[in-house]
Amino acid sequence: MERNLSFNLHVLTARLDRAADRTLRAERNVSYSRFLALTVVGELGASTQRTLAECLGVTEPSVSRMTTVLAADGLLDVQPDPAGGHRRRLSLTDEGKQLVASVQKGFEERLAALVAHSGVPYAEYAEHTARLLGTFDRLEREREVAK
């Protein structure tokens, strides 16, 4: 069956996500969705559960459950927000920072090997992927401004 690019990208992303989840569960005892949450918190710096939920595209109750587990595992620090209310401030613990850094390095190496095995130059693949993501981001911003 011949597939179009949009379907192929969907399949590729799903397969990469499943492979990442299997690897993380086997090697680090953490799910890929929880690893993504840690990665986003690391990129955002101190942030709220609401911000994390928006970035991950999930509900706040889902993030609340996830952050409770990550905090219990010693990977995430959850503190009351100085601004008050029921908001919680999230930041990575040293252990969380170490996990994110080592997993990202390992995943990048594995992805580079996969791309090299496909015959596509890694730098070229990375450049085109970054260009597509940048275009998508720009179009989303323009759509928000037009509202």
Foldseek 3Di string as FASTA:
>chain_A
DDDDPVVVVVVVVVVLQVVLQVCCCVPPVDGSLLLVLLVVCAVVPWDWLVVSCVVSVHDSVVSVVSVVVCVVVQFKDWAADPVDDRIIIIHTDPVNVVVNVVSVVVSVVVVCVVCVVVVHHPVVVVVVVVVVVVVVVVVVVVVVVVD
